[in-house]
């Protein structure tokens, strides 16, 4: 029986491509037992402001270089209030502000201590808004010792995957042999990023998914996501 699996880190408030893959998968394995990358997307994403792109960065405590995603702790500074104010000030004139902003408030009211729990709260809210229902599992549950492509293949084996759906960015470090040996077919995401009405001037792609939702609303956003 065909089973398509997506494996990805639990990034914060991800962009559309993250959710596009989940539309075409049977299971999402949350890659939580790999190294946290402070300069990556694990704890931040971009929104559009009247002065261009701006990062929303989740406040986390300092940790050693090899700390795993699942072990990163939130700090207690006022970054949540700053996020809410930045989102409110830059999207308050958007067409669907009153529809979407309550979900933002709900997210920032979540009481958790770890980055992964906060990130997953953001992902769960966006899954709801995009009407995506998918089985989820954490990679740390499997207690595997392999790394890189071998780790992905071991996860795919234990989840009984026949196909692995990957973003094209992974091609840079992709090695086909472990997948070929396991008889797992790799599917590369074909993402045609949509343009849509935005505030603040010229269109900017690849922002957090909330940009689409504020500008287009829930119904139209679901339609656009399924059309790319």
C-alpha atoms as a PDB file:
ATOM      1  CA  UNK A   1       0.000   0.000   0.000  1.00  0.00           C
ATOM      2  CA  UNK A   2       1.309   3.448  -0.949  1.00  0.00           C
ATOM      3  CA  UNK A   3       2.229   5.651   2.018  1.00  0.00           C
ATOM      4  CA  UNK A   4       3.738   9.117   1.609  1.00  0.00           C
ATOM      5  CA  UNK A   5       5.659  10.564   4.561  1.00  0.00           C
ATOM      6  CA  UNK A   6       7.005  14.072   5.142  1.00  0.00           C
ATOM      7  CA  UNK A   7       9.838  14.546   7.642  1.00  0.00           C
ATOM      8  CA  UNK A   8      10.632  18.088   8.732  1.00  0.00           C
ATOM      9  CA  UNK A   9      11.744  20.162  11.695  1.00  0.00           C
ATOM     10  CA  UNK A  10       8.929  21.892  13.625  1.00  0.00           C
ATOM     11  CA  UNK A  11       9.632  25.402  12.372  1.00  0.00           C
ATOM     12  CA  UNK A  12       7.892  28.473  13.771  1.00  0.00           C
ATOM     13  CA  UNK A  13       4.806  29.748  11.889  1.00  0.00           C
ATOM     14  CA  UNK A  14       6.078  28.283   8.584  1.00  0.00           C
ATOM     15  CA  UNK A  15       5.598  29.493   5.040  1.00  0.00           C
ATOM     16  CA  UNK A  16       3.133  28.006   2.535  1.00  0.00           C
ATOM     17  CA  UNK A  17       5.519  25.404   1.141  1.00  0.00           C
ATOM     18  CA  UNK A  18       5.627  23.666   4.521  1.00  0.00           C
ATOM     19  CA  UNK A  19       1.864  23.109   4.457  1.00  0.00           C
ATOM     20  CA  UNK A  20       1.692  22.406   0.729  1.00  0.00           C
ATOM     21  CA  UNK A  21       3.676  19.200   1.284  1.00  0.00           C
ATOM     22  CA  UNK A  22       1.376  18.060   4.070  1.00  0.00           C
ATOM     23  CA  UNK A  23      -1.599  18.185   1.686  1.00  0.00           C
ATOM     24  CA  UNK A  24      -0.042  15.325  -0.268  1.00  0.00           C
ATOM     25  CA  UNK A  25       1.240  13.181   2.590  1.00  0.00           C
ATOM     26  CA  UNK A  26      -0.231  10.502   4.829  1.00  0.00           C
ATOM     27  CA  UNK A  27       1.997  11.194   7.830  1.00  0.00           C
ATOM     28  CA  UNK A  28       4.139  14.046   9.127  1.00  0.00           C
ATOM     29  CA  UNK A  29       7.149  13.066  11.215  1.00  0.00           C
ATOM     30  CA  UNK A  30       8.266  16.000  13.338  1.00  0.00           C
ATOM     31  CA  UNK A  31      12.059  15.979  13.310  1.00  0.00           C
ATOM     32  CA  UNK A  32      12.673  17.104  16.882  1.00  0.00           C
ATOM     33  CA  UNK A  33      15.856  15.211  17.813  1.00  0.00           C
ATOM     34  CA  UNK A  34      18.271  17.053  15.530  1.00  0.00           C
ATOM     35  CA  UNK A  35      20.461  20.073  16.243  1.00  0.00           C
ATOM     36  CA  UNK A  36      18.813  23.444  16.771  1.00  0.00           C
ATOM     37  CA  UNK A  37      20.128  25.951  14.228  1.00  0.00           C
ATOM     38  CA  UNK A  38      20.119  29.470  15.618  1.00  0.00           C
ATOM     39  CA  UNK A  39      20.474  30.968  12.136  1.00  0.00           C
ATOM     40  CA  UNK A  40      17.862  28.706  10.612  1.00  0.00           C
ATOM     41  CA  UNK A  41      14.061  28.775  10.562  1.00  0.00           C
ATOM     42  CA  UNK A  42      13.437  26.761  13.707  1.00  0.00           C
ATOM     43  CA  UNK A  43      12.558  29.757  15.867  1.00  0.00           C
ATOM     44  CA  UNK A  44      11.734  32.495  13.382  1.00  0.00           C
ATOM     45  CA  UNK A  45       9.957  33.497  10.204  1.00  0.00           C
ATOM     46  CA  UNK A  46       9.274  36.700   8.297  1.00  0.00           C
ATOM     47  CA  UNK A  47       6.273  38.973   7.951  1.00  0.00           C
ATOM     48  CA  UNK A  48       5.805  42.027   5.757  1.00  0.00           C
ATOM     49  CA  UNK A  49       5.889  45.483   7.318  1.00  0.00           C
ATOM     50  CA  UNK A  50       5.683  49.027   5.997  1.00  0.00           C
ATOM     51  CA  UNK A  51       9.497  48.962   5.892  1.00  0.00           C
ATOM     52  CA  UNK A  52       9.830  45.579   4.178  1.00  0.00           C
ATOM     53  CA  UNK A  53      10.464  42.068   5.502  1.00  0.00           C
ATOM     54  CA  UNK A  54      10.971  41.685   9.230  1.00  0.00           C
ATOM     55  CA  UNK A  55      11.817  38.644  11.352  1.00  0.00           C
ATOM     56  CA  UNK A  56       9.544  37.374  14.098  1.00  0.00           C
ATOM     57  CA  UNK A  57      12.022  35.609  16.360  1.00  0.00           C
ATOM     58  CA  UNK A  58      10.919  33.374  19.226  1.00  0.00           C
ATOM     59  CA  UNK A  59      12.851  34.161  22.383  1.00  0.00           C
ATOM     60  CA  UNK A  60      14.891  31.169  23.524  1.00  0.00           C
ATOM     61  CA  UNK A  61      17.463  30.650  26.244  1.00  0.00           C
ATOM     62  CA  UNK A  62      21.118  30.255  25.339  1.00  0.00           C
ATOM     63  CA  UNK A  63      22.093  26.659  24.718  1.00  0.00           C
ATOM     64  CA  UNK A  64      25.165  24.734  23.635  1.00  0.00           C
ATOM     65  CA  UNK A  65      25.778  24.277  19.930  1.00  0.00           C
ATOM     66  CA  UNK A  66      24.685  20.642  19.943  1.00  0.00           C
ATOM     67  CA  UNK A  67      21.379  21.152  21.764  1.00  0.00           C
ATOM     68  CA  UNK A  68      18.485  19.322  20.122  1.00  0.00           C
ATOM     69  CA  UNK A  69      15.360  21.119  18.945  1.00  0.00           C
ATOM     70  CA  UNK A  70      13.227  19.352  21.548  1.00  0.00           C
ATOM     71  CA  UNK A  71      15.445  20.632  24.375  1.00  0.00           C
ATOM     72  CA  UNK A  72      15.389  24.358  23.557  1.00  0.00           C
ATOM     73  CA  UNK A  73      13.728  26.377  26.327  1.00  0.00           C
ATOM     74  CA  UNK A  74      11.799  29.631  25.868  1.00  0.00           C
ATOM     75  CA  UNK A  75      13.070  32.686  27.660  1.00  0.00           C
ATOM     76  CA  UNK A  76      10.837  34.902  29.780  1.00  0.00           C
ATOM     77  CA  UNK A  77      11.455  38.216  28.073  1.00  0.00           C
ATOM     78  CA  UNK A  78       8.652  40.228  26.457  1.00  0.00           C
ATOM     79  CA  UNK A  79       9.109  38.862  22.919  1.00  0.00           C
ATOM     80  CA  UNK A  80       5.513  37.594  22.803  1.00  0.00           C
ATOM     81  CA  UNK A  81       4.104  41.060  23.403  1.00  0.00           C
ATOM     82  CA  UNK A  82       6.500  42.471  20.801  1.00  0.00           C
ATOM     83  CA  UNK A  83       5.346  39.889  18.245  1.00  0.00           C
ATOM     84  CA  UNK A  84       1.659  40.586  18.839  1.00  0.00           C
ATOM     85  CA  UNK A  85       2.165  44.340  18.557  1.00  0.00           C
ATOM     86  CA  UNK A  86       4.255  43.992  15.385  1.00  0.00           C
ATOM     87  CA  UNK A  87       1.670  41.737  13.748  1.00  0.00           C
ATOM     88  CA  UNK A  88      -1.219  43.960  14.825  1.00  0.00           C
ATOM     89  CA  UNK A  89       0.401  47.196  13.671  1.00  0.00           C
ATOM     90  CA  UNK A  90       1.327  45.836  10.249  1.00  0.00           C
ATOM     91  CA  UNK A  91      -1.811  43.842   9.432  1.00  0.00           C
ATOM     92  CA  UNK A  92      -4.540  45.919  11.095  1.00  0.00           C
ATOM     93  CA  UNK A  93      -5.460  47.360   7.692  1.00  0.00           C
ATOM     94  CA  UNK A  94      -5.560  43.949   5.988  1.00  0.00           C
ATOM     95  CA  UNK A  95      -8.906  42.832   4.600  1.00  0.00           C
ATOM     96  CA  UNK A  96      -9.226  39.829   6.927  1.00  0.00           C
ATOM     97  CA  UNK A  97      -7.606  41.182  10.080  1.00  0.00           C
ATOM     98  CA  UNK A  98     -10.674  40.632  12.273  1.00  0.00           C
ATOM     99  CA  UNK A  99     -10.983  37.032  11.039  1.00  0.00           C
ATOM    100  CA  UNK A 100      -7.333  36.044  11.612  1.00  0.00           C
ATOM    101  CA  UNK A 101      -6.062  38.116  14.532  1.00  0.00           C
ATOM    102  CA  UNK A 102      -7.977  36.127  17.199  1.00  0.00           C
ATOM    103  CA  UNK A 103      -5.941  33.069  16.151  1.00  0.00           C
ATOM    104  CA  UNK A 104      -2.742  35.063  16.670  1.00  0.00           C
ATOM    105  CA  UNK A 105      -3.895  36.080  20.138  1.00  0.00           C
ATOM    106  CA  UNK A 106      -4.758  32.451  20.878  1.00  0.00           C
ATOM    107  CA  UNK A 107      -1.252  31.353  19.896  1.00  0.00           C
ATOM    108  CA  UNK A 108       0.522  33.898  22.061  1.00  0.00           C
ATOM    109  CA  UNK A 109      -1.684  33.023  25.031  1.00  0.00           C
ATOM    110  CA  UNK A 110      -0.389  29.430  24.982  1.00  0.00           C
ATOM    111  CA  UNK A 111       1.428  28.571  28.230  1.00  0.00           C
ATOM    112  CA  UNK A 112       4.408  26.352  27.390  1.00  0.00           C
ATOM    113  CA  UNK A 113       8.090  26.228  28.352  1.00  0.00           C
ATOM    114  CA  UNK A 114       9.765  24.760  25.282  1.00  0.00           C
ATOM    115  CA  UNK A 115      10.277  26.100  21.792  1.00  0.00           C
ATOM    116  CA  UNK A 116       8.955  22.931  20.213  1.00  0.00           C
ATOM    117  CA  UNK A 117       5.663  23.167  22.098  1.00  0.00           C
ATOM    118  CA  UNK A 118       5.225  26.787  21.050  1.00  0.00           C
ATOM    119  CA  UNK A 119       6.191  26.043  17.447  1.00  0.00           C
ATOM    120  CA  UNK A 120       3.812  23.101  17.322  1.00  0.00           C
ATOM    121  CA  UNK A 121       1.053  25.328  18.669  1.00  0.00           C
ATOM    122  CA  UNK A 122       1.672  27.671  15.727  1.00  0.00           C
ATOM    123  CA  UNK A 123       1.669  24.742  13.292  1.00  0.00           C
ATOM    124  CA  UNK A 124      -1.535  23.282  14.741  1.00  0.00           C
ATOM    125  CA  UNK A 125      -3.337  26.613  14.386  1.00  0.00           C
ATOM    126  CA  UNK A 126      -2.211  26.932  10.777  1.00  0.00           C
ATOM    127  CA  UNK A 127      -3.214  23.338  10.036  1.00  0.00           C
ATOM    128  CA  UNK A 128      -6.667  24.210  11.347  1.00  0.00           C
ATOM    129  CA  UNK A 129      -6.879  27.379   9.266  1.00  0.00           C
ATOM    130  CA  UNK A 130      -5.772  25.521   6.128  1.00  0.00           C
ATOM    131  CA  UNK A 131      -8.071  22.559   6.902  1.00  0.00           C
ATOM    132  CA  UNK A 132      -5.277  19.972   6.842  1.00  0.00           C
ATOM    133  CA  UNK A 133      -5.696  16.794   8.863  1.00  0.00           C
ATOM    134  CA  UNK A 134      -2.656  14.554   8.989  1.00  0.00           C
ATOM    135  CA  UNK A 135      -1.210  11.933  11.305  1.00  0.00           C
ATOM    136  CA  UNK A 136       1.775  13.285  13.259  1.00  0.00           C
ATOM    137  CA  UNK A 137       4.629  11.585  15.106  1.00  0.00           C
ATOM    138  CA  UNK A 138       7.809  12.833  16.764  1.00  0.00           C
ATOM    139  CA  UNK A 139      11.087  11.394  15.520  1.00  0.00           C
ATOM    140  CA  UNK A 140      12.488  11.287  19.065  1.00  0.00           C
ATOM    141  CA  UNK A 141       9.989   8.542  19.838  1.00  0.00           C
ATOM    142  CA  UNK A 142      11.965   6.153  17.641  1.00  0.00           C
ATOM    143  CA  UNK A 143      15.241   6.642  19.583  1.00  0.00           C
ATOM    144  CA  UNK A 144      17.444   6.265  16.505  1.00  0.00           C
ATOM    145  CA  UNK A 145      21.191   6.891  16.489  1.00  0.00           C
ATOM    146  CA  UNK A 146      21.738   7.484  12.772  1.00  0.00           C
ATOM    147  CA  UNK A 147      22.116  10.923  11.177  1.00  0.00           C
ATOM    148  CA  UNK A 148      21.468  12.752   7.911  1.00  0.00           C
ATOM    149  CA  UNK A 149      20.063  10.665   5.035  1.00  0.00           C
ATOM    150  CA  UNK A 150      20.411   7.435   7.015  1.00  0.00           C
ATOM    151  CA  UNK A 151      18.248   8.867   9.796  1.00  0.00           C
ATOM    152  CA  UNK A 152      15.552   9.834   7.305  1.00  0.00           C
ATOM    153  CA  UNK A 153      15.562   6.363   5.793  1.00  0.00           C
ATOM    154  CA  UNK A 154      15.363   4.691   9.215  1.00  0.00           C
ATOM    155  CA  UNK A 155      12.351   6.870  10.067  1.00  0.00           C
ATOM    156  CA  UNK A 156      10.723   6.031   6.747  1.00  0.00           C
ATOM    157  CA  UNK A 157      11.241   2.332   7.368  1.00  0.00           C
ATOM    158  CA  UNK A 158       9.711   2.377  10.841  1.00  0.00           C
ATOM    159  CA  UNK A 159       6.708   4.356   9.586  1.00  0.00           C
ATOM    160  CA  UNK A 160       6.240   1.881   6.696  1.00  0.00           C
ATOM    161  CA  UNK A 161       6.636   4.619   4.111  1.00  0.00           C
ATOM    162  CA  UNK A 162       6.771   3.760   0.434  1.00  0.00           C
ATOM    163  CA  UNK A 163       7.419   7.358  -0.650  1.00  0.00           C
ATOM    164  CA  UNK A 164       9.275  10.294   0.883  1.00  0.00           C
ATOM    165  CA  UNK A 165       8.030  13.769  -0.076  1.00  0.00           C
ATOM    166  CA  UNK A 166      10.870  16.287   0.256  1.00  0.00           C
ATOM    167  CA  UNK A 167      11.363  19.970  -0.374  1.00  0.00           C
ATOM    168  CA  UNK A 168      13.753  20.809  -3.201  1.00  0.00           C
ATOM    169  CA  UNK A 169      16.165  22.533  -0.807  1.00  0.00           C
ATOM    170  CA  UNK A 170      17.238  19.100   0.420  1.00  0.00           C
ATOM    171  CA  UNK A 171      18.699  18.244  -2.999  1.00  0.00           C
ATOM    172  CA  UNK A 172      21.922  19.987  -2.000  1.00  0.00           C
ATOM    173  CA  UNK A 173      22.757  17.265   0.521  1.00  0.00           C
ATOM    174  CA  UNK A 174      20.659  14.396  -0.828  1.00  0.00           C
ATOM    175  CA  UNK A 175      22.309  10.988  -1.294  1.00  0.00           C
ATOM    176  CA  UNK A 176      20.099   8.544  -3.160  1.00  0.00           C
ATOM    177  CA  UNK A 177      21.720   5.230  -2.195  1.00  0.00           C
ATOM    178  CA  UNK A 178      20.132   4.755   1.265  1.00  0.00           C
ATOM    179  CA  UNK A 179      16.684   5.431  -0.225  1.00  0.00           C
ATOM    180  CA  UNK A 180      17.323   3.161  -3.202  1.00  0.00           C
ATOM    181  CA  UNK A 181      18.550   0.365  -0.932  1.00  0.00           C
ATOM    182  CA  UNK A 182      15.403   0.676   1.200  1.00  0.00           C
ATOM    183  CA  UNK A 183      13.218   0.770  -1.947  1.00  0.00           C
ATOM    184  CA  UNK A 184      11.716   4.097  -0.906  1.00  0.00           C
ATOM    185  CA  UNK A 185      10.828   6.457  -3.732  1.00  0.00           C
ATOM    186  CA  UNK A 186      11.711  10.120  -3.259  1.00  0.00           C
ATOM    187  CA  UNK A 187       9.226  12.699  -4.541  1.00  0.00           C
ATOM    188  CA  UNK A 188      10.439  16.278  -4.904  1.00  0.00           C
ATOM    189  CA  UNK A 189       7.957  18.980  -4.057  1.00  0.00           C
ATOM    190  CA  UNK A 190       6.719  20.950  -7.053  1.00  0.00           C
ATOM    191  CA  UNK A 191       5.821  24.331  -5.578  1.00  0.00           C
ATOM    192  CA  UNK A 192       4.530  27.147  -7.753  1.00  0.00           C
ATOM    193  CA  UNK A 193       4.368  29.959  -5.243  1.00  0.00           C
ATOM    194  CA  UNK A 194       1.220  32.058  -5.675  1.00  0.00           C
ATOM    195  CA  UNK A 195       0.975  35.824  -5.862  1.00  0.00           C
ATOM    196  CA  UNK A 196      -1.854  37.478  -3.947  1.00  0.00           C
ATOM    197  CA  UNK A 197      -2.818  40.965  -2.768  1.00  0.00           C
ATOM    198  CA  UNK A 198      -0.466  42.265  -0.052  1.00  0.00           C
ATOM    199  CA  UNK A 199      -0.162  45.422   1.975  1.00  0.00           C
ATOM    200  CA  UNK A 200       2.908  47.672   1.911  1.00  0.00           C
ATOM    201  CA  UNK A 201       3.922  47.764  -1.732  1.00  0.00           C
ATOM    202  CA  UNK A 202       5.522  45.266  -4.087  1.00  0.00           C
ATOM    203  CA  UNK A 203       4.757  41.563  -3.549  1.00  0.00           C
ATOM    204  CA  UNK A 204       7.191  39.608  -1.371  1.00  0.00           C
ATOM    205  CA  UNK A 205       7.033  35.762  -1.527  1.00  0.00           C
ATOM    206  CA  UNK A 206       8.006  33.114   1.036  1.00  0.00           C
ATOM    207  CA  UNK A 207       6.748  34.921   4.124  1.00  0.00           C
ATOM    208  CA  UNK A 208       5.068  33.239   7.062  1.00  0.00           C
ATOM    209  CA  UNK A 209       1.700  31.774   6.087  1.00  0.00           C
ATOM    210  CA  UNK A 210      -0.078  34.343   8.234  1.00  0.00           C
ATOM    211  CA  UNK A 211       0.641  36.936   5.528  1.00  0.00           C
ATOM    212  CA  UNK A 212      -1.589  35.062   3.088  1.00  0.00           C
ATOM    213  CA  UNK A 213      -4.282  34.530   5.709  1.00  0.00           C
ATOM    214  CA  UNK A 214      -4.484  38.183   6.734  1.00  0.00           C
ATOM    215  CA  UNK A 215      -4.647  39.332   3.131  1.00  0.00           C
ATOM    216  CA  UNK A 216      -6.902  36.656   1.638  1.00  0.00           C
ATOM    217  CA  UNK A 217      -8.856  35.118   4.514  1.00  0.00           C
ATOM    218  CA  UNK A 218      -9.390  31.481   5.447  1.00  0.00           C
ATOM    219  CA  UNK A 219     -11.524  30.345   2.509  1.00  0.00           C
ATOM    220  CA  UNK A 220      -9.411  31.905  -0.247  1.00  0.00           C
ATOM    221  CA  UNK A 221      -6.150  30.846   1.451  1.00  0.00           C
ATOM    222  CA  UNK A 222      -7.277  27.213   1.478  1.00  0.00           C
ATOM    223  CA  UNK A 223      -8.107  27.500  -2.209  1.00  0.00           C
ATOM    224  CA  UNK A 224      -4.778  29.113  -3.114  1.00  0.00           C
ATOM    225  CA  UNK A 225      -2.760  26.557  -1.141  1.00  0.00           C
ATOM    226  CA  UNK A 226      -4.452  23.701  -2.972  1.00  0.00           C
ATOM    227  CA  UNK A 227      -3.869  25.353  -6.327  1.00  0.00           C
ATOM    228  CA  UNK A 228      -0.087  25.685  -6.182  1.00  0.00           C
END
